[in-house]
Protein backbone atom coordinates (compact mmCIF):
# COMPACT_ATOMS: atom_id res chain seq x y z
CA MET A 1 43.35 37.41 -13.21
CA GLY A 2 44.87 39.37 -10.30
CA GLY A 3 41.55 41.28 -10.10
CA GLU A 4 39.65 38.10 -9.42
CA HIS A 5 41.77 38.00 -6.16
CA LEU A 6 40.94 41.48 -5.39
CA PHE A 7 38.14 43.44 -3.21
CA ARG A 8 37.89 47.08 -2.14
CA ARG A 9 36.92 47.79 1.61
CA GLY A 10 36.60 51.59 1.78
CA LYS A 11 39.04 52.86 -0.24
CA VAL A 12 41.80 50.04 0.32
CA TRP A 13 41.99 47.46 -1.99
CA TYR A 14 42.66 43.87 -0.05
CA GLY A 15 43.70 40.12 -1.94
CA TRP A 16 43.68 36.83 -1.06
CA VAL A 17 45.67 33.90 -1.82
CA TYR A 18 45.54 29.69 -1.41
CA GLY A 19 47.10 28.77 2.02
CA PRO A 20 49.02 25.01 1.72
CA ASN A 21 45.77 23.25 2.73
CA GLY A 22 43.48 25.03 0.46
CA GLU A 23 42.17 27.76 2.26
CA GLN A 24 41.77 31.46 1.84
CA ILE A 25 44.30 34.25 2.83
CA LYS A 26 43.17 37.49 2.83
CA PHE A 27 45.48 40.53 3.63
CA SER A 28 45.37 44.28 2.65
CA THR A 29 47.68 45.56 -0.17
CA GLY A 30 47.67 48.84 1.67
CA CYS A 31 46.88 50.38 -1.66
CA THR A 32 43.81 52.20 -2.91
CA ASP A 33 44.82 52.39 -6.44
CA LYS A 34 43.54 48.99 -8.32
CA THR A 35 46.73 49.15 -10.29
CA ALA A 36 48.99 49.23 -7.89
CA ALA A 37 47.13 46.58 -5.54
CA ARG A 38 47.56 44.23 -8.86
CA LEU A 39 51.25 44.43 -8.34
CA VAL A 40 51.58 44.01 -4.88
CA LEU A 41 49.04 41.00 -5.24
CA ALA A 42 51.53 39.35 -7.93
CA GLN A 43 54.17 39.96 -5.79
CA ARG A 44 52.21 38.08 -3.44
CA GLU A 45 50.93 35.40 -5.41
CA ARG A 46 54.90 34.54 -6.43
CA GLU A 47 55.91 34.15 -2.60
CA ASN A 48 53.38 31.77 -2.12
CA ALA A 49 53.93 29.79 -4.84
CA ASP A 50 57.48 29.18 -4.20
CA PRO A 51 57.71 29.35 -0.39
CA ASP A 52 61.32 29.46 -0.19
CA THR A 53 61.13 33.16 -1.33
CA ALA A 54 58.88 34.07 1.58
CA ARG A 55 61.47 32.45 4.05
CA LYS A 56 64.04 34.43 2.75
CA LYS A 57 62.02 37.68 2.80
CA SER A 58 61.18 36.79 6.43
CA ALA A 59 64.69 35.61 7.51
CA THR A 60 67.05 37.15 10.12
CA LEU A 61 70.34 37.68 11.38
CA GLY A 62 69.43 35.95 14.34
CA ASP A 63 67.59 32.97 12.46
CA ALA A 64 71.40 32.13 10.99
CA ILE A 65 73.12 32.26 13.88
CA ALA A 66 70.54 30.01 15.49
CA LEU A 67 71.37 27.67 12.71
CA LEU A 68 75.09 27.88 13.88
CA ILE A 69 74.41 27.29 17.28
CA GLU A 70 71.92 24.30 16.86
CA ASP A 71 74.32 22.49 14.78
CA ARG A 72 77.56 23.04 16.93
CA THR A 73 75.65 21.89 20.07
CA SER A 74 74.92 18.59 18.64
CA LEU A 75 78.69 18.06 17.56
CA VAL A 76 79.25 19.04 21.53
CA LYS A 77 76.63 16.71 22.47
CA ALA A 78 77.93 13.66 19.98
CA GLY A 79 81.59 14.56 21.41
CA LYS A 80 82.79 15.57 18.55
CA ARG A 81 83.91 19.20 19.84
CA SER A 82 85.26 20.22 22.66
CA ASP A 83 82.78 21.98 25.93
CA GLY A 84 84.60 25.41 24.62
CA THR A 85 83.08 25.41 21.18
CA LEU A 86 79.77 26.96 22.33
CA LYS A 87 81.31 29.48 24.11
CA PHE A 88 83.48 30.52 21.14
CA TYR A 89 80.44 30.91 18.83
CA ASN A 90 78.44 33.07 20.95
CA ALA A 91 81.25 35.27 21.68
CA HIS A 92 81.96 35.53 18.10
CA THR A 93 78.01 35.98 17.28
CA ARG A 94 77.40 38.44 19.82
CA PRO A 95 79.71 41.52 18.12
CA TRP A 96 77.50 41.06 14.89
CA CYS A 97 74.22 41.43 16.54
CA ILE A 98 75.39 44.16 18.83
CA PHE A 99 76.39 45.82 15.26
CA ALA A 100 73.11 45.25 14.00
CA GLY A 101 71.46 46.68 16.64
CA ARG A 102 73.59 49.73 16.65
CA LYS A 103 72.63 50.22 13.01
CA ILE A 104 68.99 49.97 13.56
CA LYS A 105 69.06 52.48 16.11
CA SER A 106 71.74 54.70 14.15
CA ILE A 107 74.48 54.95 17.05
CA ALA A 108 77.23 57.48 16.14
CA ALA A 109 80.25 55.05 14.91
CA GLU A 110 82.12 56.95 17.32
CA LYS A 111 80.50 55.74 20.62
CA LEU A 112 82.53 53.02 21.21
CA ASP A 113 81.09 49.22 22.01
CA LYS A 114 83.14 49.57 25.35
CA ASP A 115 81.12 53.08 26.31
CA LEU A 116 77.79 51.37 26.11
CA ALA A 117 76.29 50.05 29.07
CA LEU A 118 75.81 46.12 29.79
CA GLU A 119 72.28 46.47 29.29
CA GLU A 120 72.24 48.94 26.46
CA ARG A 121 74.53 45.89 24.75
CA ASN A 122 72.02 42.88 25.32
CA ASN A 123 69.29 45.37 23.95
CA LEU A 124 71.20 46.14 20.97
CA ALA A 125 72.31 42.46 20.48
CA GLU A 126 68.35 41.51 20.88
CA LEU A 127 67.47 44.05 18.37
CA GLY A 128 70.53 43.48 15.96
CA ALA A 129 69.29 39.60 15.93
CA LYS A 130 65.72 40.82 14.08
CA LEU A 131 67.67 42.44 11.56
CA ALA A 132 67.05 41.36 8.11
CA LEU A 133 69.18 38.38 6.91
CA LEU A 134 68.90 39.76 3.12
CA ASP A 135 70.66 43.26 4.83
CA ALA A 136 72.94 41.23 7.43
CA GLY A 137 74.45 38.81 4.53
CA ASP A 138 75.58 41.60 2.22
CA ASP A 139 78.98 42.83 1.75
CA ARG A 140 78.66 46.45 2.54
CA PHE A 141 77.09 45.29 6.23
CA VAL A 142 80.31 42.98 6.45
CA ASP A 143 82.73 45.55 5.46
CA ALA A 144 81.10 48.53 7.94
CA PHE A 145 81.29 45.59 10.62
CA THR A 146 84.97 45.05 9.88
CA ILE A 147 85.91 48.63 10.15
CA HIS A 148 83.68 48.88 13.08
CA ARG A 149 85.56 46.25 15.18
CA ARG A 150 88.59 47.86 13.87
CA SER A 151 87.73 51.07 15.49
CA ASN A 152 87.17 49.71 18.48
CA GLY A 153 90.42 48.68 18.97
CA ILE A 154 89.83 44.71 18.05
CA SER A 155 92.78 42.34 16.92
CA GLU A 156 92.62 41.24 13.22
CA HIS A 157 93.38 37.77 14.51
CA CYS A 158 89.62 38.30 16.79
CA ILE A 159 88.05 39.96 13.52
CA ALA A 160 88.70 37.16 11.65
CA HIS A 161 87.11 34.85 14.03
CA ASP A 162 84.35 37.22 13.72
CA ARG A 163 83.95 37.11 10.10
CA ALA A 164 84.56 33.12 9.53
CA THR A 165 81.53 32.99 12.39
CA LEU A 166 79.24 34.38 10.34
CA ARG A 167 80.25 33.00 7.06
CA THR A 168 79.71 29.37 8.76
CA ALA A 169 76.06 30.66 9.50
CA LEU A 170 75.28 32.06 6.06
CA LYS A 171 76.16 28.42 4.58
CA MET A 172 73.95 27.15 7.16
CA ALA A 173 71.16 29.49 6.19
CA LYS A 174 72.08 28.86 2.61
CA ARG A 175 71.73 25.05 2.91
CA ALA A 176 68.20 25.55 5.10
CA ARG A 177 67.21 27.90 1.97
CA ILE A 178 66.66 30.96 3.83
CA TRP A 179 69.27 33.16 2.03
CA SER A 180 71.07 33.15 -1.48
CA GLY A 181 73.82 35.43 -1.39
CA ASP A 182 77.07 34.65 -2.59
CA ILE A 183 79.55 34.02 0.32
CA GLU A 184 82.97 34.55 -1.74
CA THR A 185 81.73 37.83 -2.96
CA ILE A 186 80.78 39.08 0.64
CA PHE A 187 83.81 38.06 2.08
CA GLY A 188 86.61 38.07 -0.33
CA ARG A 189 89.87 37.57 1.26
CA PHE A 190 90.78 38.90 4.53
CA ASP A 191 94.88 38.62 5.66
CA THR A 192 95.21 39.51 9.61
CA GLY A 193 99.06 39.41 8.69
CA TYR A 194 99.03 37.04 11.91
CA GLU A 195 102.48 35.24 13.02
CA PRO A 196 101.99 32.53 15.85
CA GLU A 197 104.75 33.53 18.35
CA GLN A 198 107.13 30.97 19.58
CA HIS A 199 105.33 31.15 23.11
CA HIS A 200 107.81 28.54 25.17
CA VAL A 201 110.75 28.97 27.79
CA SER A 202 113.57 26.45 28.48
CA ARG A 203 113.46 23.65 30.45
CA ALA A 204 115.74 24.81 33.05
CA ASP A 205 112.94 28.17 33.38
CA ALA A 206 109.91 25.84 33.50
CA TRP A 207 111.24 24.05 36.47
CA LYS A 208 111.83 27.37 38.39
CA MET A 209 108.04 28.49 37.23
CA LEU A 210 107.14 24.61 38.92
CA ALA A 211 108.94 25.60 41.88
CA GLU A 212 106.91 28.67 42.60
CA ILE A 213 103.42 27.03 42.19
CA GLN A 214 102.07 27.80 45.39
CA THR A 215 99.22 29.61 47.30
CA PRO A 216 99.13 33.36 47.17
CA SER A 217 102.41 35.31 47.98
CA THR A 218 100.23 37.39 51.16
CA ASP A 219 100.04 33.81 52.20
CA PRO A 220 103.00 34.25 54.98
CA HIS A 221 103.79 30.32 55.11
CA LYS A 222 103.29 30.28 50.93
CA ARG A 223 102.07 26.48 51.17
CA VAL A 224 103.63 24.87 47.92
CA LEU A 225 100.85 22.96 46.00
CA PRO A 226 102.36 19.50 44.86
CA HIS A 227 99.12 18.56 43.03
CA ARG A 228 98.98 21.70 40.89
CA ARG A 229 102.69 21.13 40.07
CA ALA A 230 101.45 17.82 38.68
CA TYR A 231 98.71 19.84 36.93
CA VAL A 232 101.54 21.86 34.97
CA SER A 233 103.87 18.76 34.76
CA PHE A 234 101.40 17.20 32.94
CA MET A 235 100.87 19.56 30.27
CA LEU A 236 104.76 19.97 29.46
CA ALA A 237 105.31 16.34 29.72
CA THR A 238 102.31 15.57 26.88
CA GLY A 239 101.37 18.78 25.22
CA ALA A 240 97.80 17.95 26.93
CA GLU A 241 95.19 21.12 26.21
CA THR A 242 93.32 22.19 28.97
CA GLY A 243 89.96 20.17 28.16
CA ALA A 244 92.01 16.92 28.09
CA ILE A 245 93.45 17.22 31.30
CA LYS A 246 90.16 17.46 32.92
CA ARG A 247 89.28 13.96 31.24
CA ALA A 248 92.72 12.56 32.42
CA ARG A 249 92.51 9.06 34.07
CA ARG A 250 95.19 7.24 36.21
CA GLU A 251 95.57 4.27 33.68
CA ASP A 252 96.15 6.79 31.10
CA ILE A 253 99.87 7.06 32.00
CA THR A 254 102.02 4.18 30.88
CA GLU A 255 105.62 3.26 30.49
CA THR A 256 105.72 4.28 26.94
CA LEU A 257 102.39 6.18 25.98
CA VAL A 258 100.13 8.77 27.38
CA ARG A 259 96.61 9.04 26.25
CA ILE A 260 95.35 12.36 25.78
CA ARG A 261 91.42 12.43 25.77
CA GLY A 262 91.22 15.59 23.53
CA THR A 263 87.45 16.28 21.92
CA LYS A 264 88.27 19.46 20.18
CA THR A 265 88.61 17.37 16.62
CA ARG A 266 88.97 13.67 16.01
CA ASP A 267 92.90 13.71 15.97
CA ARG A 268 92.76 15.36 19.57
CA ASP A 269 91.85 11.87 21.14
CA ARG A 270 95.43 10.52 20.72
CA PHE A 271 98.25 9.14 22.27
CA VAL A 272 101.71 10.31 22.97
CA PRO A 273 105.12 8.64 23.03
CA VAL A 274 107.30 8.77 26.00
CA VAL A 275 110.53 9.13 24.69
CA THR A 276 112.67 11.60 26.79
CA GLU A 277 113.87 11.74 30.34
CA TRP A 278 112.30 14.81 30.85
CA GLN A 279 108.86 13.37 30.42
CA ARG A 280 109.61 10.42 32.62
CA GLU A 281 110.35 12.96 35.36
CA LEU A 282 107.76 15.08 35.03
CA LEU A 283 105.53 12.21 34.51
CA ALA A 284 106.91 10.34 37.97
CA TYR A 285 105.67 13.71 39.49
CA VAL A 286 102.39 13.61 38.22
CA GLU A 287 101.67 10.02 39.28
CA GLU A 288 103.17 10.72 42.33
CA HIS A 289 101.10 13.95 43.10
CA ALA A 290 97.85 13.78 41.31
CA ASP A 291 94.87 14.56 43.67
CA GLY A 292 92.07 12.95 41.45
CA THR A 293 89.66 10.70 42.68
CA ASP A 294 87.44 7.86 41.50
CA GLY A 295 90.08 6.99 38.67
CA MET A 296 90.56 10.76 37.58
CA LEU A 297 94.10 11.91 37.42
CA LEU A 298 93.61 15.44 38.45
CA THR A 299 90.97 17.97 39.88
CA PRO A 300 89.93 20.78 38.14
CA TRP A 301 92.19 24.09 38.47
CA GLY A 302 89.73 26.84 37.98
CA SER A 303 92.53 29.75 38.63
CA ALA A 304 95.04 27.80 36.55
CA LEU A 305 95.81 30.86 34.43
CA ARG A 306 96.48 33.01 36.96
CA SER A 307 98.56 30.94 39.49
CA ILE A 308 101.00 29.99 36.18
CA ARG A 309 101.35 33.97 35.45
CA GLN A 310 101.91 34.75 38.96
CA ALA A 311 104.54 31.67 39.31
CA SER A 312 105.87 32.97 36.37
CA LYS A 313 106.21 36.74 37.69
CA ARG A 314 107.88 35.29 40.87
CA ALA A 315 110.46 32.78 38.84
CA GLY A 316 111.81 35.90 36.59
CA ILE A 317 110.71 34.22 33.37
CA ARG A 318 108.69 35.53 30.68
CA HIS A 319 104.71 35.19 31.07
CA MET A 320 103.07 31.89 30.74
CA ASN A 321 99.95 30.44 30.23
CA ARG A 322 98.06 27.09 29.91
CA HIS A 323 98.53 27.33 26.10
CA GLY A 324 102.25 28.21 26.55
CA LEU A 325 102.75 24.81 28.23
CA ARG A 326 101.64 23.24 25.04
CA HIS A 327 104.33 25.21 23.11
CA CYS A 328 106.93 24.37 25.35
CA TYR A 329 106.31 20.59 24.77
CA SER A 330 106.27 21.09 20.72
CA ALA A 331 109.33 23.27 21.47
CA TRP A 332 111.41 20.86 23.29
CA MET A 333 110.43 18.22 21.43
CA LYS A 334 111.40 20.11 18.37
CA GLN A 335 114.88 20.75 20.01
CA GLU A 336 115.45 16.90 20.41
CA GLY A 337 115.51 16.32 16.69
CA VAL A 338 111.73 15.19 16.24
CA PRO A 339 110.38 16.28 12.89
CA LEU A 340 107.02 18.00 12.21
CA SER A 341 106.12 15.05 10.49
CA GLU A 342 106.01 13.20 13.67
CA LEU A 343 105.29 15.97 15.93
CA TYR A 344 101.72 17.32 14.78
CA LEU A 345 100.45 13.54 15.62
CA ALA A 346 101.31 13.74 19.16
CA MET A 347 100.43 17.31 18.96
CA GLY A 348 96.75 16.49 18.14
CA HIS A 349 96.64 18.74 14.44
CA ALA A 350 95.18 17.26 11.53
CA SER A 351 98.46 18.49 9.61
CA THR A 352 101.77 20.02 9.80
CA GLN A 353 100.53 23.47 8.49
CA GLN A 354 100.33 24.96 12.36
CA LEU A 355 103.54 23.79 13.27
CA GLU A 356 105.38 25.09 10.23
CA ARG A 357 104.24 28.36 10.84
CA THR A 358 104.89 28.02 14.53
CA TYR A 359 108.13 26.17 14.33
CA GLY A 360 108.94 26.53 10.67
CA LYS A 361 111.63 29.23 10.52
CA PRO A 362 114.56 28.33 12.86
CA ASP A 363 116.21 30.73 15.08
CA GLY A 364 119.69 31.86 14.70
CA LYS A 365 121.19 28.56 17.13
CA GLU A 366 119.26 26.33 15.02
CA LEU A 367 120.35 27.68 11.55
CA ALA A 368 123.58 27.71 12.88
CA GLY A 369 123.55 23.59 13.68
CA MET A 370 121.82 23.12 10.19
CA MET A 371 124.73 24.84 8.23
CA THR A 372 127.06 22.89 10.47
CA ARG A 373 125.93 19.35 9.57
CA SER A 374 125.04 20.28 5.61
CA ILE A 375 128.83 21.38 5.47
CA ALA A 376 129.85 18.05 7.45
CA ILE A 377 127.85 16.31 5.05
CA GLY A 378 129.15 17.80 1.69
CA ARG A 379 132.61 17.07 3.01
CA ALA A 380 131.93 13.74 3.86
CA ALA A 381 130.56 13.46 0.34
CA LEU A 382 133.84 14.87 -1.19
CA THR A 383 136.00 12.49 0.81
CA VAL A 384 134.15 9.45 -0.62
CA LEU A 385 134.09 10.67 -3.99
CA ASP A 386 137.86 11.06 -3.59
CA GLY A 387 138.64 7.45 -2.56
CA GLY A 388 137.96 8.04 1.30
CA LYS A 389 141.20 10.33 1.35
CA ALA A 390 140.22 13.73 1.73
CA THR A 391 142.37 16.34 0.36
CA LYS A 392 143.69 19.71 1.32
CA LYS A 393 142.47 21.25 -1.61
CA ALA A 394 138.90 19.38 -1.06
CA GLY A 395 138.97 20.49 2.60
CA ASN A 396 139.91 24.24 1.90
CA GLU A 397 137.20 24.79 -0.66
CA THR A 398 134.86 23.58 1.63
CA SER A 399 135.91 25.45 4.33
């Protein structure tokens, strides 16, 4: 049957197959031997009969990444993901493309990515995106990438994000029928050893840092910036994330609740109760000094990270950043006795898992308080059992 679709031009055998509209598609087999040409024709006929097979054969790493970026872009436009989502995925897909480009050009592993010029990295990323997805979606490629990133001094936490990004891209490629590998076999288990840090300071230290938020220290007048203090105060009082602050409006603050307009997940658009005096004090300052216009609460602050770091240094406290301010809110609420089962809702988490990882293990002071309360409860129980009279013997046994 194969011979019926073969013809020769000179010494080379050519074949033809029917296209989607019934037209003849002619191609060179590249063979001078008819038996070998028949094998090439048979493969082409199988691919032609199964379009998915042809797509898988021609799919590239860039195709899978494009599916991921397209999906996340639609979520951002629909308001279901934060503005930083695309930045995150672009940051964690680029290393895969650079590594693929390095493999194609056979660049020695000893030459680190940081030693390559920016233009060279850009060229490698463009070249790497053209790597066949059959080669990129392979456990050997993924393992080699992981080792390469470690050799470049990249943290395990960041590598985990890289791997999760490609994993998601391959899932989408599989759904689009341009790849059919086994994701679990390729990625397996990856333990980062990451333990979240309790990155917060006491309220007294936070107040010191607030007092130091000002124009750069080179300014002889050291002009204070009350509207920037209001920005930090809002984060401390509510645990709001940076993106939510950009969307905060004046009407969001009431006497009992503050609306946080988060967009990262569906749980991030939430209401935070105002239940402590320190919240009321901070929010009063916010309302007095907020500088937003047209109903907005605050104006954007591009240098917030640098300014908060400098203020922390001047205050003589541990380094603080914007995420650390969220930690302050959750830590202070936990110290007030708010259980994690309630706190996770105020923080906009989907569950208590993240808080349990960060705050599940009490420090020495908290443990001492917990043990003291347990002993008191135990003694009270013995008193009740003894008819309301605590005997000396019972007291000695539990002391």
